[in-house]
Amino acid sequence: MADAAGVLVVDERRRMPGRGAWLHPDPGCLDLAERRRAFVRALRLAGPADVAAVRRHVEQQEAATGPIPGAEQTVDEESGLEADGYPMSTNR
């Protein structure tokens, strides 16, 4: 969820009103979402998204629980394939 200034807010309880975006709790996933401007699209923001609070939350989660098993395996960003090996599409 984002406020009016584009600052992302972590909603751990999933109870805040408005649009939201789900993120895998892994720093690599956050980096990829930033590069692809996924938050801007998902939350329909007019400007850039400030992900500082989300980054702190993800880093705290990783420090508390350790890295997510298998998270180091990534799909080639330019391949157009999702992690399951299928082309990215909304028409499945």
N, C-alpha and C. Protein backbone atom coordinates (compact mmCIF):
# COMPACT_ATOMS: atom_id res chain seq x y z
N MET A 1 0.84 -1.17 0.00
CA MET A 1 0.00 0.00 0.00
C MET A 1 0.89 1.24 0.00
N ALA A 2 0.45 2.29 -0.64
CA ALA A 2 1.23 3.53 -0.72
C ALA A 2 0.39 4.70 -0.23
N ASP A 3 1.07 5.68 0.38
CA ASP A 3 0.35 6.88 0.77
C ASP A 3 0.34 7.85 -0.41
N ALA A 4 -0.17 9.04 -0.22
CA ALA A 4 -0.33 10.01 -1.30
C ALA A 4 1.00 10.42 -1.94
N ALA A 5 2.10 10.35 -1.18
CA ALA A 5 3.40 10.78 -1.69
C ALA A 5 4.17 9.64 -2.36
N GLY A 6 3.57 8.44 -2.46
CA GLY A 6 4.24 7.32 -3.08
C GLY A 6 5.14 6.55 -2.14
N VAL A 7 5.01 6.80 -0.83
CA VAL A 7 5.78 6.06 0.16
C VAL A 7 5.05 4.75 0.45
N LEU A 8 5.72 3.63 0.21
CA LEU A 8 5.09 2.34 0.45
C LEU A 8 5.02 2.04 1.93
N VAL A 9 3.92 1.44 2.35
CA VAL A 9 3.67 1.11 3.75
C VAL A 9 3.46 -0.40 3.83
N VAL A 10 4.12 -1.05 4.79
CA VAL A 10 3.95 -2.49 4.98
C VAL A 10 2.70 -2.72 5.83
N ASP A 11 1.81 -3.55 5.33
CA ASP A 11 0.57 -3.89 6.02
C ASP A 11 0.63 -5.36 6.42
N GLU A 12 1.31 -5.65 7.54
CA GLU A 12 1.52 -7.03 7.96
C GLU A 12 0.21 -7.76 8.24
N ARG A 13 -0.78 -7.07 8.74
CA ARG A 13 -2.05 -7.71 9.08
C ARG A 13 -2.99 -7.81 7.89
N ARG A 14 -2.63 -7.16 6.78
CA ARG A 14 -3.44 -7.16 5.55
C ARG A 14 -4.86 -6.64 5.82
N ARG A 15 -4.94 -5.52 6.52
CA ARG A 15 -6.24 -4.96 6.89
C ARG A 15 -6.44 -3.52 6.41
N MET A 16 -5.40 -2.88 5.86
CA MET A 16 -5.52 -1.49 5.46
C MET A 16 -6.40 -1.37 4.23
N PRO A 17 -7.17 -0.30 4.13
CA PRO A 17 -8.01 -0.11 2.95
C PRO A 17 -7.17 0.32 1.74
N GLY A 18 -7.70 0.13 0.57
CA GLY A 18 -7.03 0.59 -0.65
C GLY A 18 -6.29 -0.52 -1.36
N ARG A 19 -5.59 -0.14 -2.41
CA ARG A 19 -4.84 -1.11 -3.22
C ARG A 19 -3.62 -1.61 -2.47
N GLY A 20 -3.26 -2.84 -2.74
CA GLY A 20 -2.08 -3.42 -2.14
C GLY A 20 -1.31 -4.23 -3.16
N ALA A 21 -0.12 -4.61 -2.81
CA ALA A 21 0.72 -5.43 -3.69
C ALA A 21 1.43 -6.45 -2.81
N TRP A 22 1.44 -7.69 -3.23
CA TRP A 22 2.11 -8.74 -2.47
C TRP A 22 3.54 -8.86 -2.95
N LEU A 23 4.47 -9.08 -2.02
CA LEU A 23 5.88 -9.22 -2.37
C LEU A 23 6.45 -10.41 -1.63
N HIS A 24 7.17 -11.26 -2.34
CA HIS A 24 7.88 -12.37 -1.72
C HIS A 24 8.91 -11.76 -0.78
N PRO A 25 9.00 -12.19 0.47
CA PRO A 25 9.87 -11.54 1.45
C PRO A 25 11.35 -11.87 1.26
N ASP A 26 11.89 -11.46 0.14
CA ASP A 26 13.28 -11.73 -0.18
C ASP A 26 13.88 -10.46 -0.78
N PRO A 27 15.07 -10.03 -0.32
CA PRO A 27 15.67 -8.81 -0.85
C PRO A 27 15.86 -8.85 -2.37
N GLY A 28 16.16 -10.01 -2.93
CA GLY A 28 16.31 -10.13 -4.38
C GLY A 28 15.01 -9.86 -5.10
N CYS A 29 13.91 -10.32 -4.54
CA CYS A 29 12.60 -10.06 -5.14
C CYS A 29 12.24 -8.57 -5.07
N LEU A 30 12.61 -7.95 -3.97
CA LEU A 30 12.37 -6.51 -3.83
C LEU A 30 13.19 -5.74 -4.86
N ASP A 31 14.46 -6.12 -5.04
CA ASP A 31 15.30 -5.45 -6.04
C ASP A 31 14.70 -5.59 -7.44
N LEU A 32 14.24 -6.78 -7.76
CA LEU A 32 13.65 -7.03 -9.07
C LEU A 32 12.36 -6.22 -9.25
N ALA A 33 11.53 -6.17 -8.22
CA ALA A 33 10.29 -5.39 -8.29
C ALA A 33 10.60 -3.91 -8.49
N GLU A 34 11.65 -3.42 -7.84
CA GLU A 34 12.04 -2.01 -8.03
C GLU A 34 12.50 -1.77 -9.47
N ARG A 35 13.37 -2.64 -9.98
CA ARG A 35 13.89 -2.45 -11.34
C ARG A 35 12.78 -2.50 -12.38
N ARG A 36 11.81 -3.34 -12.16
CA ARG A 36 10.70 -3.49 -13.12
C ARG A 36 9.56 -2.50 -12.87
N ARG A 37 9.71 -1.66 -11.86
CA ARG A 37 8.68 -0.68 -11.50
C ARG A 37 7.34 -1.36 -11.21
N ALA A 38 7.40 -2.54 -10.59
CA ALA A 38 6.22 -3.34 -10.31
C ALA A 38 5.27 -2.65 -9.33
N PHE A 39 5.82 -1.96 -8.34
CA PHE A 39 4.96 -1.28 -7.37
C PHE A 39 4.21 -0.13 -8.02
N VAL A 40 4.88 0.60 -8.87
CA VAL A 40 4.24 1.73 -9.56
C VAL A 40 3.05 1.24 -10.38
N ARG A 41 3.24 0.12 -11.09
CA ARG A 41 2.15 -0.44 -11.89
C ARG A 41 1.04 -1.03 -11.03
N ALA A 42 1.42 -1.86 -10.05
CA ALA A 42 0.42 -2.56 -9.24
C ALA A 42 -0.42 -1.60 -8.40
N LEU A 43 0.22 -0.55 -7.90
CA LEU A 43 -0.48 0.39 -7.04
C LEU A 43 -1.00 1.61 -7.80
N ARG A 44 -0.73 1.62 -9.10
CA ARG A 44 -1.18 2.73 -9.98
C ARG A 44 -0.72 4.08 -9.46
N LEU A 45 0.58 4.17 -9.18
CA LEU A 45 1.16 5.42 -8.68
C LEU A 45 1.50 6.34 -9.83
N ALA A 46 1.39 7.64 -9.58
CA ALA A 46 1.71 8.63 -10.61
C ALA A 46 3.22 8.86 -10.73
N GLY A 47 3.94 8.66 -9.64
CA GLY A 47 5.38 8.89 -9.64
C GLY A 47 6.12 7.69 -9.08
N PRO A 48 7.40 7.86 -8.78
CA PRO A 48 8.19 6.74 -8.27
C PRO A 48 7.73 6.32 -6.86
N ALA A 49 8.01 5.07 -6.53
CA ALA A 49 7.64 4.54 -5.22
C ALA A 49 8.84 4.59 -4.28
N ASP A 50 8.61 5.02 -3.05
CA ASP A 50 9.65 5.04 -2.03
C ASP A 50 9.54 3.71 -1.27
N VAL A 51 10.50 2.83 -1.46
CA VAL A 51 10.44 1.48 -0.90
C VAL A 51 11.28 1.31 0.38
N ALA A 52 11.73 2.39 0.98
CA ALA A 52 12.61 2.32 2.15
C ALA A 52 11.99 1.51 3.28
N ALA A 53 10.72 1.74 3.60
CA ALA A 53 10.07 1.01 4.69
C ALA A 53 9.93 -0.46 4.35
N VAL A 54 9.64 -0.76 3.11
CA VAL A 54 9.51 -2.16 2.67
C VAL A 54 10.87 -2.84 2.75
N ARG A 55 11.92 -2.15 2.32
CA ARG A 55 13.28 -2.73 2.37
C ARG A 55 13.67 -3.04 3.82
N ARG A 56 13.40 -2.10 4.75
CA ARG A 56 13.70 -2.35 6.16
C ARG A 56 12.95 -3.58 6.66
N HIS A 57 11.68 -3.68 6.31
CA HIS A 57 10.85 -4.81 6.75
C HIS A 57 11.39 -6.13 6.20
N VAL A 58 11.71 -6.18 4.91
CA VAL A 58 12.23 -7.40 4.30
C VAL A 58 13.56 -7.79 4.92
N GLU A 59 14.43 -6.83 5.15
CA GLU A 59 15.74 -7.12 5.76
C GLU A 59 15.58 -7.61 7.20
N GLN A 60 14.64 -7.03 7.95
CA GLN A 60 14.38 -7.49 9.31
C GLN A 60 13.84 -8.91 9.31
N GLN A 61 12.94 -9.21 8.37
CA GLN A 61 12.38 -10.56 8.26
C GLN A 61 13.48 -11.56 7.95
N GLU A 62 14.37 -11.20 7.02
CA GLU A 62 15.44 -12.11 6.64
C GLU A 62 16.41 -12.32 7.81
N ALA A 63 16.69 -11.26 8.55
CA ALA A 63 17.60 -11.38 9.70
C ALA A 63 16.98 -12.27 10.78
N ALA A 64 15.67 -12.19 10.94
CA ALA A 64 14.99 -12.96 11.98
C ALA A 64 14.83 -14.43 11.60
N THR A 65 14.57 -14.69 10.32
CA THR A 65 14.26 -16.06 9.90
C THR A 65 15.34 -16.71 9.06
N GLY A 66 16.28 -15.93 8.57
CA GLY A 66 17.31 -16.45 7.67
C GLY A 66 16.83 -16.38 6.22
N PRO A 67 17.73 -16.65 5.28
CA PRO A 67 17.34 -16.57 3.87
C PRO A 67 16.31 -17.65 3.52
N ILE A 68 15.50 -17.36 2.55
CA ILE A 68 14.48 -18.28 2.09
C ILE A 68 15.14 -19.35 1.23
N PRO A 69 14.93 -20.64 1.55
CA PRO A 69 15.54 -21.71 0.75
C PRO A 69 15.12 -21.62 -0.72
N GLY A 70 16.07 -21.71 -1.62
CA GLY A 70 15.77 -21.67 -3.05
C GLY A 70 15.65 -20.28 -3.62
N ALA A 71 15.71 -19.24 -2.77
CA ALA A 71 15.54 -17.88 -3.26
C ALA A 71 16.71 -17.44 -4.13
N GLU A 72 17.87 -18.10 -3.97
CA GLU A 72 19.03 -17.72 -4.78
C GLU A 72 18.89 -18.16 -6.22
N GLN A 73 17.95 -19.07 -6.50
CA GLN A 73 17.71 -19.50 -7.87
C GLN A 73 16.84 -18.44 -8.55
N THR A 74 17.35 -17.87 -9.61
CA THR A 74 16.59 -16.84 -10.31
C THR A 74 16.39 -17.23 -11.76
N VAL A 75 15.37 -16.68 -12.35
CA VAL A 75 15.08 -16.90 -13.75
C VAL A 75 15.72 -15.76 -14.53
N ASP A 76 16.27 -16.04 -15.67
CA ASP A 76 16.87 -15.01 -16.51
C ASP A 76 15.84 -13.91 -16.74
N GLU A 77 16.19 -12.69 -16.34
CA GLU A 77 15.26 -11.57 -16.44
C GLU A 77 14.81 -11.29 -17.87
N GLU A 78 15.65 -11.56 -18.82
CA GLU A 78 15.33 -11.25 -20.20
C GLU A 78 14.59 -12.39 -20.90
N SER A 79 14.40 -13.52 -20.21
CA SER A 79 13.84 -14.68 -20.88
C SER A 79 12.35 -14.57 -21.11
N GLY A 80 11.64 -13.79 -20.28
CA GLY A 80 10.19 -13.70 -20.40
C GLY A 80 9.51 -14.90 -19.78
N LEU A 81 10.25 -15.69 -19.00
CA LEU A 81 9.69 -16.86 -18.35
C LEU A 81 9.51 -16.61 -16.86
N GLU A 82 8.45 -17.18 -16.33
CA GLU A 82 8.25 -17.13 -14.89
C GLU A 82 9.08 -18.23 -14.25
N ALA A 83 9.11 -18.29 -12.94
CA ALA A 83 9.91 -19.27 -12.23
C ALA A 83 9.50 -20.70 -12.57
N ASP A 84 8.24 -20.91 -12.96
CA ASP A 84 7.79 -22.25 -13.31
C ASP A 84 8.16 -22.64 -14.74
N GLY A 85 8.83 -21.73 -15.48
CA GLY A 85 9.28 -22.04 -16.82
C GLY A 85 8.30 -21.69 -17.92
N TYR A 86 7.11 -21.21 -17.56
CA TYR A 86 6.12 -20.86 -18.56
C TYR A 86 6.22 -19.38 -18.91
N PRO A 87 5.87 -19.00 -20.13
CA PRO A 87 5.89 -17.59 -20.51
C PRO A 87 4.95 -16.78 -19.62
N MET A 88 5.35 -15.54 -19.32
CA MET A 88 4.51 -14.68 -18.51
C MET A 88 3.28 -14.28 -19.31
N SER A 89 2.12 -14.54 -18.74
CA SER A 89 0.89 -14.22 -19.42
C SER A 89 -0.23 -14.12 -18.41
N THR A 90 -1.19 -13.29 -18.70
CA THR A 90 -2.39 -13.22 -17.86
C THR A 90 -3.51 -14.06 -18.45
N ASN A 91 -3.25 -14.67 -19.60
CA ASN A 91 -4.27 -15.45 -20.31
C ASN A 91 -4.02 -16.94 -20.17
N ARG A 92 -3.95 -17.44 -18.97
CA ARG A 92 -3.72 -18.89 -18.76
C ARG A 92 -5.02 -19.59 -18.59
